[in-house]
Amino acid sequence: GNVVVEQSTGWGRQLALTPLPTPAMLASKGVIILVRALLPVLAVNIA
């Protein structure tokens, strides 16, 4: 959700200037989602 909001403010245009291909960028977002999801999962399991 934050990514979409940031893209609407111009972040998407900045990324478009980079040579990174779309599949690679999607894979990168997937990694970030999994890392963010890991934090609460770890916290609950530790509890």
All heavy atoms as atom14 arrays in JSON, in Angstrom:
{
  "sequence": "GNVVVEQSTGWGRQLALTPLPTPAMLASKGVIILVRALLPVLAVNIA",
  "atom14_mask": [
    [1, 1, 1, 1, 0, 0, 0, 0, 0, 0, 0, 0, 0, 0],
    [1, 1, 1, 1, 1, 1, 1, 1, 0, 0, 0, 0, 0, 0],
    [1, 1, 1, 1, 1, 1, 1, 0, 0, 0, 0, 0, 0, 0],
    [1, 1, 1, 1, 1, 1, 1, 0, 0, 0, 0, 0, 0, 0],
    [1, 1, 1, 1, 1, 1, 1, 0, 0, 0, 0, 0, 0, 0],
    [1, 1, 1, 1, 1, 1, 1, 1, 1, 0, 0, 0, 0, 0],
    [1, 1, 1, 1, 1, 1, 1, 1, 1, 0, 0, 0, 0, 0],
    [1, 1, 1, 1, 1, 1, 0, 0, 0, 0, 0, 0, 0, 0],
    [1, 1, 1, 1, 1, 1, 1, 0, 0, 0, 0, 0, 0, 0],
    [1, 1, 1, 1, 0, 0, 0, 0, 0, 0, 0, 0, 0, 0],
    [1, 1, 1, 1, 1, 1, 1, 1, 1, 1, 1, 1, 1, 1],
    [1, 1, 1, 1, 0, 0, 0, 0, 0, 0, 0, 0, 0, 0],
    [1, 1, 1, 1, 1, 1, 1, 1, 1, 1, 1, 0, 0, 0],
    [1, 1, 1, 1, 1, 1, 1, 1, 1, 0, 0, 0, 0, 0],
    [1, 1, 1, 1, 1, 1, 1, 1, 0, 0, 0, 0, 0, 0],
    [1, 1, 1, 1, 1, 0, 0, 0, 0, 0, 0, 0, 0, 0],
    [1, 1, 1, 1, 1, 1, 1, 1, 0, 0, 0, 0, 0, 0],
    [1, 1, 1, 1, 1, 1, 1, 0, 0, 0, 0, 0, 0, 0],
    [1, 1, 1, 1, 1, 1, 1, 0, 0, 0, 0, 0, 0, 0],
    [1, 1, 1, 1, 1, 1, 1, 1, 0, 0, 0, 0, 0, 0],
    [1, 1, 1, 1, 1, 1, 1, 0, 0, 0, 0, 0, 0, 0],
    [1, 1, 1, 1, 1, 1, 1, 0, 0, 0, 0, 0, 0, 0],
    [1, 1, 1, 1, 1, 1, 1, 0, 0, 0, 0, 0, 0, 0],
    [1, 1, 1, 1, 1, 0, 0, 0, 0, 0, 0, 0, 0, 0],
    [1, 1, 1, 1, 1, 1, 1, 1, 0, 0, 0, 0, 0, 0],
    [1, 1, 1, 1, 1, 1, 1, 1, 0, 0, 0, 0, 0, 0],
    [1, 1, 1, 1, 1, 0, 0, 0, 0, 0, 0, 0, 0, 0],
    [1, 1, 1, 1, 1, 1, 0, 0, 0, 0, 0, 0, 0, 0],
    [1, 1, 1, 1, 1, 1, 1, 1, 1, 0, 0, 0, 0, 0],
    [1, 1, 1, 1, 0, 0, 0, 0, 0, 0, 0, 0, 0, 0],
    [1, 1, 1, 1, 1, 1, 1, 0, 0, 0, 0, 0, 0, 0],
    [1, 1, 1, 1, 1, 1, 1, 1, 0, 0, 0, 0, 0, 0],
    [1, 1, 1, 1, 1, 1, 1, 1, 0, 0, 0, 0, 0, 0],
    [1, 1, 1, 1, 1, 1, 1, 1, 0, 0, 0, 0, 0, 0],
    [1, 1, 1, 1, 1, 1, 1, 0, 0, 0, 0, 0, 0, 0],
    [1, 1, 1, 1, 1, 1, 1, 1, 1, 1, 1, 0, 0, 0],
    [1, 1, 1, 1, 1, 0, 0, 0, 0, 0, 0, 0, 0, 0],
    [1, 1, 1, 1, 1, 1, 1, 1, 0, 0, 0, 0, 0, 0],
    [1, 1, 1, 1, 1, 1, 1, 1, 0, 0, 0, 0, 0, 0],
    [1, 1, 1, 1, 1, 1, 1, 0, 0, 0, 0, 0, 0, 0],
    [1, 1, 1, 1, 1, 1, 1, 0, 0, 0, 0, 0, 0, 0],
    [1, 1, 1, 1, 1, 1, 1, 1, 0, 0, 0, 0, 0, 0],
    [1, 1, 1, 1, 1, 0, 0, 0, 0, 0, 0, 0, 0, 0],
    [1, 1, 1, 1, 1, 1, 1, 0, 0, 0, 0, 0, 0, 0],
    [1, 1, 1, 1, 1, 1, 1, 1, 0, 0, 0, 0, 0, 0],
    [1, 1, 1, 1, 1, 1, 1, 1, 0, 0, 0, 0, 0, 0],
    [1, 1, 1, 1, 1, 0, 0, 0, 0, 0, 0, 0, 0, 0]
  ],
  "atom14_positions": [
    [[0.82, -1.2, 0.0], [0.0, 0.0, 0.0], [0.86, 1.25, 0.0], [0.59, 2.21, -0.73], [0.0, 0.0, 0.0], [0.0, 0.0, 0.0], [0.0, 0.0, 0.0], [0.0, 0.0, 0.0], [0.0, 0.0, 0.0], [0.0, 0.0, 0.0], [0.0, 0.0, 0.0], [0.0, 0.0, 0.0], [0.0, 0.0, 0.0], [0.0, 0.0, 0.0]],
    [[1.91, 1.22, 0.8], [2.84, 2.35, 0.83], [3.56, 2.53, -0.5], [3.82, 3.65, -0.94], [3.86, 2.15, 1.95], [3.3, 2.47, 3.31], [2.42, 3.32, 3.44], [3.77, 1.78, 4.34], [0.0, 0.0, 0.0], [0.0, 0.0, 0.0], [0.0, 0.0, 0.0], [0.0, 0.0, 0.0], [0.0, 0.0, 0.0], [0.0, 0.0, 0.0]],
    [[3.88, 1.43, -1.16], [4.58, 1.5, -2.45], [3.72, 2.22, -3.48], [4.18, 3.08, -4.22], [4.95, 0.09, -2.94], [5.37, 0.13, -4.4], [6.07, -0.49, -2.09], [0.0, 0.0, 0.0], [0.0, 0.0, 0.0], [0.0, 0.0, 0.0], [0.0, 0.0, 0.0], [0.0, 0.0, 0.0], [0.0, 0.0, 0.0], [0.0, 0.0, 0.0]],
    [[2.42, 1.87, -3.52], [1.53, 2.5, -4.49], [1.41, 4.0, -4.22], [1.43, 4.82, -5.13], [0.14, 1.84, -4.46], [-0.85, 2.6, -5.33], [0.24, 0.4, -4.94], [0.0, 0.0, 0.0], [0.0, 0.0, 0.0], [0.0, 0.0, 0.0], [0.0, 0.0, 0.0], [0.0, 0.0, 0.0], [0.0, 0.0, 0.0], [0.0, 0.0, 0.0]],
    [[1.29, 4.36, -2.94], [1.19, 5.78, -2.59], [2.46, 6.51, -3.0], [2.41, 7.62, -3.56], [0.94, 5.95, -1.07], [1.04, 7.42, -0.67], [-0.43, 5.39, -0.7], [0.0, 0.0, 0.0], [0.0, 0.0, 0.0], [0.0, 0.0, 0.0], [0.0, 0.0, 0.0], [0.0, 0.0, 0.0], [0.0, 0.0, 0.0], [0.0, 0.0, 0.0]],
    [[3.62, 5.9, -2.75], [4.88, 6.54, -3.11], [5.02, 6.68, -4.62], [5.56, 7.68, -5.11], [6.04, 5.72, -2.54], [6.13, 5.83, -1.01], [6.95, 4.72, -0.41], [7.45, 3.87, -1.18], [7.09, 4.69, 0.82], [0.0, 0.0, 0.0], [0.0, 0.0, 0.0], [0.0, 0.0, 0.0], [0.0, 0.0, 0.0], [0.0, 0.0, 0.0]],
    [[4.53, 5.71, -5.35], [4.6, 5.8, -6.81], [3.73, 6.94, -7.32], [4.08, 7.61, -8.29], [4.15, 4.48, -7.44], [5.19, 3.38, -7.29], [4.74, 2.09, -7.94], [3.55, 1.87, -8.14], [5.69, 1.23, -8.27], [0.0, 0.0, 0.0], [0.0, 0.0, 0.0], [0.0, 0.0, 0.0], [0.0, 0.0, 0.0], [0.0, 0.0, 0.0]],
    [[2.6, 7.18, -6.67], [1.72, 8.26, -7.1], [2.33, 9.63, -6.85], [1.9, 10.62, -7.43], [0.36, 8.15, -6.37], [0.51, 8.45, -5.0], [0.0, 0.0, 0.0], [0.0, 0.0, 0.0], [0.0, 0.0, 0.0], [0.0, 0.0, 0.0], [0.0, 0.0, 0.0], [0.0, 0.0, 0.0], [0.0, 0.0, 0.0], [0.0, 0.0, 0.0]],
    [[3.35, 9.68, -5.98], [4.01, 10.96, -5.69], [5.27, 11.15, -6.53], [6.01, 12.11, -6.3], [4.37, 11.05, -4.2], [5.27, 9.98, -3.87], [3.12, 10.96, -3.33], [0.0, 0.0, 0.0], [0.0, 0.0, 0.0], [0.0, 0.0, 0.0], [0.0, 0.0, 0.0], [0.0, 0.0, 0.0], [0.0, 0.0, 0.0], [0.0, 0.0, 0.0]],
    [[5.54, 10.22, -7.46], [6.69, 10.39, -8.34], [7.77, 9.36, -8.2], [8.7, 9.31, -9.01], [0.0, 0.0, 0.0], [0.0, 0.0, 0.0], [0.0, 0.0, 0.0], [0.0, 0.0, 0.0], [0.0, 0.0, 0.0], [0.0, 0.0, 0.0], [0.0, 0.0, 0.0], [0.0, 0.0, 0.0], [0.0, 0.0, 0.0], [0.0, 0.0, 0.0]],
    [[7.67, 8.49, -7.18], [8.69, 7.47, -6.98], [8.72, 6.5, -8.16], [9.77, 6.04, -8.59], [8.42, 6.73, -5.68], [9.36, 5.58, -5.39], [9.03, 4.27, -5.24], [10.77, 5.66, -5.16], [10.15, 3.52, -4.96], [11.23, 4.35, -4.9], [11.7, 6.71, -5.17], [12.56, 4.06, -4.65], [13.04, 6.42, -4.92], [13.45, 5.11, -4.66]],
    [[7.54, 6.2, -8.72], [7.48, 5.29, -9.86], [8.22, 5.84, -11.06], [8.87, 5.09, -11.79], [0.0, 0.0, 0.0], [0.0, 0.0, 0.0], [0.0, 0.0, 0.0], [0.0, 0.0, 0.0], [0.0, 0.0, 0.0], [0.0, 0.0, 0.0], [0.0, 0.0, 0.0], [0.0, 0.0, 0.0], [0.0, 0.0, 0.0], [0.0, 0.0, 0.0]],
    [[8.12, 7.13, -11.29], [8.84, 7.73, -12.43], [10.34, 7.65, -12.22], [11.1, 7.49, -13.17], [8.38, 9.18, -12.62], [6.97, 9.31, -13.18], [6.66, 10.74, -13.57], [6.61, 11.62, -12.41], [5.51, 11.82, -11.68], [4.38, 11.19, -11.98], [5.53, 12.63, -10.65], [0.0, 0.0, 0.0], [0.0, 0.0, 0.0], [0.0, 0.0, 0.0]],
    [[10.78, 7.8, -10.96], [12.21, 7.68, -10.68], [12.7, 6.26, -10.97], [13.77, 6.07, -11.54], [12.48, 8.03, -9.21], [12.28, 9.5, -8.88], [13.3, 10.39, -9.58], [14.46, 10.02, -9.72], [12.86, 11.55, -10.02], [0.0, 0.0, 0.0], [0.0, 0.0, 0.0], [0.0, 0.0, 0.0], [0.0, 0.0, 0.0], [0.0, 0.0, 0.0]],
    [[11.89, 5.27, -10.58], [12.28, 3.88, -10.82], [12.31, 3.56, -12.31], [13.1, 2.73, -12.76], [11.31, 2.93, -10.11], [11.34, 2.94, -8.58], [10.31, 1.96, -8.03], [12.73, 2.59, -8.06], [0.0, 0.0, 0.0], [0.0, 0.0, 0.0], [0.0, 0.0, 0.0], [0.0, 0.0, 0.0], [0.0, 0.0, 0.0], [0.0, 0.0, 0.0]],
    [[11.44, 4.22, -13.06], [11.38, 3.97, -14.51], [12.67, 4.4, -15.2], [12.98, 3.93, -16.3], [10.19, 4.7, -15.12], [0.0, 0.0, 0.0], [0.0, 0.0, 0.0], [0.0, 0.0, 0.0], [0.0, 0.0, 0.0], [0.0, 0.0, 0.0], [0.0, 0.0, 0.0], [0.0, 0.0, 0.0], [0.0, 0.0, 0.0], [0.0, 0.0, 0.0]],
    [[13.43, 5.28, -14.57], [14.69, 5.75, -15.15], [15.84, 4.78, -14.92], [16.91, 4.94, -15.51], [15.05, 7.12, -14.57], [14.04, 8.26, -14.84], [14.48, 9.52, -14.1], [13.92, 8.52, -16.33], [0.0, 0.0, 0.0], [0.0, 0.0, 0.0], [0.0, 0.0, 0.0], [0.0, 0.0, 0.0], [0.0, 0.0, 0.0], [0.0, 0.0, 0.0]],
    [[15.62, 3.79, -14.06], [16.67, 2.82, -13.78], [16.65, 1.7, -14.82], [15.62, 1.45, -15.45], [16.51, 2.21, -12.39], [15.34, 1.37, -12.38], [16.35, 3.29, -11.33], [0.0, 0.0, 0.0], [0.0, 0.0, 0.0], [0.0, 0.0, 0.0], [0.0, 0.0, 0.0], [0.0, 0.0, 0.0], [0.0, 0.0, 0.0], [0.0, 0.0, 0.0]],
    [[17.76, 0.98, -15.0], [17.8, -0.11, -15.99], [17.22, -1.42, -15.47], [17.27, -2.43, -16.17], [19.3, -0.25, -16.27], [19.96, 0.16, -15.0], [19.1, 1.26, -14.43], [0.0, 0.0, 0.0], [0.0, 0.0, 0.0], [0.0, 0.0, 0.0], [0.0, 0.0, 0.0], [0.0, 0.0, 0.0], [0.0, 0.0, 0.0], [0.0, 0.0, 0.0]],
    [[16.67, -1.42, -14.26], [16.17, -2.67, -13.69], [14.92, -3.15, -14.42], [13.97, -2.38, -14.59], [15.85, -2.46, -12.2], [17.03, -2.12, -11.29], [16.53, -1.84, -9.88], [18.03, -3.26, -11.27], [0.0, 0.0, 0.0], [0.0, 0.0, 0.0], [0.0, 0.0, 0.0], [0.0, 0.0, 0.0], [0.0, 0.0, 0.0], [0.0, 0.0, 0.0]],
    [[14.87, -4.41, -14.85], [13.69, -4.93, -15.55], [12.51, -5.12, -14.58], [12.71, -5.3, -13.37], [14.16, -6.27, -16.11], [15.28, -6.68, -15.22], [15.96, -5.4, -14.79], [0.0, 0.0, 0.0], [0.0, 0.0, 0.0], [0.0, 0.0, 0.0], [0.0, 0.0, 0.0], [0.0, 0.0, 0.0], [0.0, 0.0, 0.0], [0.0, 0.0, 0.0]],
    [[11.31, -5.08, -15.12], [10.11, -5.21, -14.29], [10.07, -6.5, -13.48], [9.76, -6.47, -12.28], [8.85, -5.09, -15.16], [8.84, -3.81, -15.8], [7.59, -5.24, -14.31], [0.0, 0.0, 0.0], [0.0, 0.0, 0.0], [0.0, 0.0, 0.0], [0.0, 0.0, 0.0], [0.0, 0.0, 0.0], [0.0, 0.0, 0.0], [0.0, 0.0, 0.0]],
    [[10.36, -7.68, -14.07], [10.34, -8.91, -13.27], [11.29, -8.86, -12.07], [10.97, -9.34, -10.98], [10.78, -9.99, -14.27], [10.4, -9.45, -15.59], [10.64, -7.97, -15.49], [0.0, 0.0, 0.0], [0.0, 0.0, 0.0], [0.0, 0.0, 0.0], [0.0, 0.0, 0.0], [0.0, 0.0, 0.0], [0.0, 0.0, 0.0], [0.0, 0.0, 0.0]],
    [[12.45, -8.25, -12.26], [13.41, -8.13, -11.16], [12.87, -7.24, -10.06], [13.04, -7.52, -8.86], [14.74, -7.6, -11.68], [0.0, 0.0, 0.0], [0.0, 0.0, 0.0], [0.0, 0.0, 0.0], [0.0, 0.0, 0.0], [0.0, 0.0, 0.0], [0.0, 0.0, 0.0], [0.0, 0.0, 0.0], [0.0, 0.0, 0.0], [0.0, 0.0, 0.0]],
    [[12.21, -6.16, -10.45], [11.66, -5.24, -9.46], [10.51, -5.9, -8.7], [10.36, -5.7, -7.48], [11.19, -3.95, -10.13], [12.34, -3.17, -10.75], [11.9, -1.53, -11.29], [11.33, -0.79, -9.8], [0.0, 0.0, 0.0], [0.0, 0.0, 0.0], [0.0, 0.0, 0.0], [0.0, 0.0, 0.0], [0.0, 0.0, 0.0], [0.0, 0.0, 0.0]],
    [[9.7, -6.71, -9.4], [8.62, -7.42, -8.73], [9.18, -8.44, -7.74], [8.65, -8.61, -6.64], [7.72, -8.11, -9.76], [6.87, -7.19, -10.62], [6.12, -8.0, -11.67], [5.89, -6.39, -9.77], [0.0, 0.0, 0.0], [0.0, 0.0, 0.0], [0.0, 0.0, 0.0], [0.0, 0.0, 0.0], [0.0, 0.0, 0.0], [0.0, 0.0, 0.0]],
    [[10.25, -9.12, -8.15], [10.9, -10.07, -7.25], [11.45, -9.36, -6.02], [11.37, -9.86, -4.9], [12.02, -10.81, -7.98], [0.0, 0.0, 0.0], [0.0, 0.0, 0.0], [0.0, 0.0, 0.0], [0.0, 0.0, 0.0], [0.0, 0.0, 0.0], [0.0, 0.0, 0.0], [0.0, 0.0, 0.0], [0.0, 0.0, 0.0], [0.0, 0.0, 0.0]],
    [[11.99, -8.17, -6.23], [12.51, -7.38, -5.12], [11.4, -7.02, -4.14], [11.57, -7.13, -2.92], [13.16, -6.1, -5.65], [13.54, -5.24, -4.6], [0.0, 0.0, 0.0], [0.0, 0.0, 0.0], [0.0, 0.0, 0.0], [0.0, 0.0, 0.0], [0.0, 0.0, 0.0], [0.0, 0.0, 0.0], [0.0, 0.0, 0.0], [0.0, 0.0, 0.0]],
    [[10.24, -6.61, -4.66], [9.11, -6.28, -3.8], [8.64, -7.52, -3.03], [8.24, -7.43, -1.86], [7.96, -5.71, -4.61], [8.28, -4.39, -5.29], [8.7, -3.33, -4.3], [9.02, -2.02, -5.01], [9.6, -1.01, -4.09], [0.0, 0.0, 0.0], [0.0, 0.0, 0.0], [0.0, 0.0, 0.0], [0.0, 0.0, 0.0], [0.0, 0.0, 0.0]],
    [[8.71, -8.68, -3.69], [8.33, -9.91, -3.01], [9.23, -10.21, -1.82], [8.76, -10.63, -0.76], [0.0, 0.0, 0.0], [0.0, 0.0, 0.0], [0.0, 0.0, 0.0], [0.0, 0.0, 0.0], [0.0, 0.0, 0.0], [0.0, 0.0, 0.0], [0.0, 0.0, 0.0], [0.0, 0.0, 0.0], [0.0, 0.0, 0.0], [0.0, 0.0, 0.0]],
    [[10.52, -9.98, -2.0], [11.47, -10.18, -0.9], [11.16, -9.24, 0.26], [11.16, -9.64, 1.43], [12.92, -9.97, -1.39], [13.89, -9.94, -0.21], [13.31, -11.05, -2.38], [0.0, 0.0, 0.0], [0.0, 0.0, 0.0], [0.0, 0.0, 0.0], [0.0, 0.0, 0.0], [0.0, 0.0, 0.0], [0.0, 0.0, 0.0], [0.0, 0.0, 0.0]],
    [[10.87, -7.99, -0.06], [10.58, -7.0, 0.98], [9.3, -7.38, 1.73], [9.24, -7.27, 2.97], [10.45, -5.6, 0.36], [11.81, -5.15, -0.16], [9.92, -4.59, 1.37], [11.78, -3.93, -1.03], [0.0, 0.0, 0.0], [0.0, 0.0, 0.0], [0.0, 0.0, 0.0], [0.0, 0.0, 0.0], [0.0, 0.0, 0.0], [0.0, 0.0, 0.0]],
    [[8.28, -7.83, 1.01], [7.04, -8.25, 1.65], [7.3, -9.41, 2.61], [6.81, -9.43, 3.75], [5.99, -8.66, 0.59], [5.51, -7.41, -0.16], [4.81, -9.37, 1.24], [4.65, -7.73, -1.36], [0.0, 0.0, 0.0], [0.0, 0.0, 0.0], [0.0, 0.0, 0.0], [0.0, 0.0, 0.0], [0.0, 0.0, 0.0], [0.0, 0.0, 0.0]],
    [[8.09, -10.39, 2.16], [8.37, -11.55, 3.0], [9.16, -11.16, 4.25], [8.9, -11.69, 5.34], [9.14, -12.6, 2.2], [8.34, -13.32, 1.1], [9.24, -14.25, 0.31], [7.17, -14.08, 1.7], [0.0, 0.0, 0.0], [0.0, 0.0, 0.0], [0.0, 0.0, 0.0], [0.0, 0.0, 0.0], [0.0, 0.0, 0.0], [0.0, 0.0, 0.0]],
    [[10.1, -10.23, 4.11], [10.87, -9.78, 5.28], [9.96, -9.06, 6.26], [10.02, -9.3, 7.48], [12.03, -8.86, 4.84], [12.7, -8.22, 6.06], [13.06, -9.65, 4.04], [0.0, 0.0, 0.0], [0.0, 0.0, 0.0], [0.0, 0.0, 0.0], [0.0, 0.0, 0.0], [0.0, 0.0, 0.0], [0.0, 0.0, 0.0], [0.0, 0.0, 0.0]],
    [[9.1, -8.17, 5.75], [8.16, -7.47, 6.64], [7.21, -8.44, 7.32], [6.89, -8.29, 8.5], [7.37, -6.43, 5.85], [8.04, -5.09, 5.68], [8.16, -4.31, 6.98], [6.9, -4.15, 7.67], [6.05, -3.13, 7.51], [6.35, -2.18, 6.64], [4.94, -3.05, 8.2], [0.0, 0.0, 0.0], [0.0, 0.0, 0.0], [0.0, 0.0, 0.0]],
    [[6.75, -9.45, 6.57], [5.83, -10.43, 7.15], [6.53, -11.29, 8.2], [5.91, -11.72, 9.18], [5.24, -11.31, 6.06], [0.0, 0.0, 0.0], [0.0, 0.0, 0.0], [0.0, 0.0, 0.0], [0.0, 0.0, 0.0], [0.0, 0.0, 0.0], [0.0, 0.0, 0.0], [0.0, 0.0, 0.0], [0.0, 0.0, 0.0], [0.0, 0.0, 0.0]],
    [[7.83, -11.53, 7.99], [8.58, -12.37, 8.92], [8.65, -11.77, 10.32], [8.61, -12.5, 11.32], [10.0, -12.58, 8.37], [10.97, -13.38, 9.24], [10.47, -14.81, 9.41], [12.36, -13.37, 8.61], [0.0, 0.0, 0.0], [0.0, 0.0, 0.0], [0.0, 0.0, 0.0], [0.0, 0.0, 0.0], [0.0, 0.0, 0.0], [0.0, 0.0, 0.0]],
    [[8.72, -10.45, 10.41], [8.9, -9.8, 11.72], [7.74, -10.08, 12.67], [7.97, -10.54, 13.81], [9.1, -8.29, 11.52], [10.33, -7.88, 10.72], [10.4, -6.36, 10.56], [11.6, -8.39, 11.37], [0.0, 0.0, 0.0], [0.0, 0.0, 0.0], [0.0, 0.0, 0.0], [0.0, 0.0, 0.0], [0.0, 0.0, 0.0], [0.0, 0.0, 0.0]],
    [[6.46, -9.83, 12.31], [5.39, -10.14, 13.23], [5.22, -11.63, 13.47], [4.85, -12.05, 14.58], [4.14, -9.54, 12.56], [4.5, -9.36, 11.13], [5.97, -9.11, 11.11], [0.0, 0.0, 0.0], [0.0, 0.0, 0.0], [0.0, 0.0, 0.0], [0.0, 0.0, 0.0], [0.0, 0.0, 0.0], [0.0, 0.0, 0.0], [0.0, 0.0, 0.0]],
    [[5.5, -12.46, 12.45], [5.4, -13.91, 12.63], [6.4, -14.37, 13.69], [6.07, -15.16, 14.58], [5.63, -14.65, 11.3], [5.77, -16.15, 11.53], [4.47, -14.38, 10.34], [0.0, 0.0, 0.0], [0.0, 0.0, 0.0], [0.0, 0.0, 0.0], [0.0, 0.0, 0.0], [0.0, 0.0, 0.0], [0.0, 0.0, 0.0], [0.0, 0.0, 0.0]],
    [[7.63, -13.87, 13.61], [8.63, -14.2, 14.63], [8.21, -13.71, 16.01], [8.35, -14.44, 17.01], [9.98, -13.58, 14.25], [10.83, -14.31, 13.23], [12.09, -13.51, 12.92], [11.2, -15.7, 13.72], [0.0, 0.0, 0.0], [0.0, 0.0, 0.0], [0.0, 0.0, 0.0], [0.0, 0.0, 0.0], [0.0, 0.0, 0.0], [0.0, 0.0, 0.0]],
    [[7.68, -12.48, 16.07], [7.3, -11.91, 17.36], [6.21, -12.74, 18.04], [6.29, -13.03, 19.24], [6.82, -10.47, 17.17], [0.0, 0.0, 0.0], [0.0, 0.0, 0.0], [0.0, 0.0, 0.0], [0.0, 0.0, 0.0], [0.0, 0.0, 0.0], [0.0, 0.0, 0.0], [0.0, 0.0, 0.0], [0.0, 0.0, 0.0], [0.0, 0.0, 0.0]],
    [[5.2, -13.15, 17.28], [4.1, -13.94, 17.86], [4.61, -15.31, 18.28], [4.24, -15.82, 19.36], [2.95, -14.07, 16.84], [1.88, -15.01, 17.38], [2.34, -12.72, 16.55], [0.0, 0.0, 0.0], [0.0, 0.0, 0.0], [0.0, 0.0, 0.0], [0.0, 0.0, 0.0], [0.0, 0.0, 0.0], [0.0, 0.0, 0.0], [0.0, 0.0, 0.0]],
    [[5.47, -15.91, 17.47], [6.0, -17.23, 17.83], [6.9, -17.17, 19.06], [6.9, -18.09, 19.87], [6.75, -17.84, 16.65], [5.82, -18.5, 15.65], [5.51, -19.68, 15.77], [5.35, -17.75, 14.68], [0.0, 0.0, 0.0], [0.0, 0.0, 0.0], [0.0, 0.0, 0.0], [0.0, 0.0, 0.0], [0.0, 0.0, 0.0], [0.0, 0.0, 0.0]],
    [[7.66, -16.1, 19.2], [8.48, -15.94, 20.41], [7.57, -15.78, 21.63], [7.83, -16.35, 22.7], [9.41, -14.72, 20.26], [10.5, -15.03, 19.22], [10.06, -14.36, 21.59], [11.35, -13.84, 18.84], [0.0, 0.0, 0.0], [0.0, 0.0, 0.0], [0.0, 0.0, 0.0], [0.0, 0.0, 0.0], [0.0, 0.0, 0.0], [0.0, 0.0, 0.0]],
    [[6.48, -15.01, 21.48], [5.52, -14.89, 22.58], [4.94, -16.25, 22.93], [4.73, -16.56, 24.11], [4.4, -13.92, 22.19], [0.0, 0.0, 0.0], [0.0, 0.0, 0.0], [0.0, 0.0, 0.0], [0.0, 0.0, 0.0], [0.0, 0.0, 0.0], [0.0, 0.0, 0.0], [0.0, 0.0, 0.0], [0.0, 0.0, 0.0], [0.0, 0.0, 0.0]]
  ]
}
